[in-house]
Amino acid sequence: MRWHPSVNISVVRADVHKYLLQRYTQKLFN
């Protein structure tokens, strides 16, 4: 799978941010 960093870095950063936000909210509510 080839990467195009100019496009994918922003996408990956958005996914990581979403993932961290989900884990943070799970810690708050559990």
C-alpha atoms as a PDB file:
ATOM      1  CA  MET A   1       0.000   0.000   0.000  1.00  0.00           C
ATOM      2  CA  ARG A   2       1.595   3.236  -1.144  1.00  0.00           C
ATOM      3  CA  TRP A   3       1.247   6.383   0.885  1.00  0.00           C
ATOM      4  CA  HIS A   4       0.852   9.953  -0.277  1.00  0.00           C
ATOM      5  CA  PRO A   5       2.068  11.876   2.780  1.00  0.00           C
ATOM      6  CA  SER A   6       0.639  15.217   1.695  1.00  0.00           C
ATOM      7  CA  VAL A   7      -2.850  13.719   1.874  1.00  0.00           C
ATOM      8  CA  ASN A   8      -2.579  10.974   4.447  1.00  0.00           C
ATOM      9  CA  ILE A   9      -0.802  12.767   7.282  1.00  0.00           C
ATOM     10  CA  SER A  10      -3.823  14.974   7.931  1.00  0.00           C
ATOM     11  CA  VAL A  11      -6.133  11.957   7.717  1.00  0.00           C
ATOM     12  CA  VAL A  12      -3.993   9.893  10.070  1.00  0.00           C
ATOM     13  CA  ARG A  13      -3.714  12.776  12.523  1.00  0.00           C
ATOM     14  CA  ALA A  14      -7.494  13.161  12.487  1.00  0.00           C
ATOM     15  CA  ASP A  15      -7.920   9.428  13.143  1.00  0.00           C
ATOM     16  CA  VAL A  16      -5.397   9.481  15.990  1.00  0.00           C
ATOM     17  CA  HIS A  17      -7.097  12.494  17.524  1.00  0.00           C
ATOM     18  CA  LYS A  18     -10.477  10.763  17.292  1.00  0.00           C
ATOM     19  CA  TYR A  19      -9.038   7.591  18.843  1.00  0.00           C
ATOM     20  CA  LEU A  20      -7.435   9.456  21.735  1.00  0.00           C
ATOM     21  CA  LEU A  21     -10.643  11.390  22.333  1.00  0.00           C
ATOM     22  CA  GLN A  22     -12.635   8.148  22.491  1.00  0.00           C
ATOM     23  CA  ARG A  23     -10.174   6.586  24.954  1.00  0.00           C
ATOM     24  CA  TYR A  24     -10.215   9.727  27.092  1.00  0.00           C
ATOM     25  CA  THR A  25     -14.011   9.773  27.269  1.00  0.00           C
ATOM     26  CA  GLN A  26     -14.060   6.044  28.070  1.00  0.00           C
ATOM     27  CA  LYS A  27     -11.697   6.648  30.978  1.00  0.00           C
ATOM     28  CA  LEU A  28     -13.963   9.410  32.261  1.00  0.00           C
ATOM     29  CA  PHE A  29     -17.138   7.341  32.136  1.00  0.00           C
ATOM     30  CA  ASN A  30     -15.771   3.976  33.286  1.00  0.00           C
END
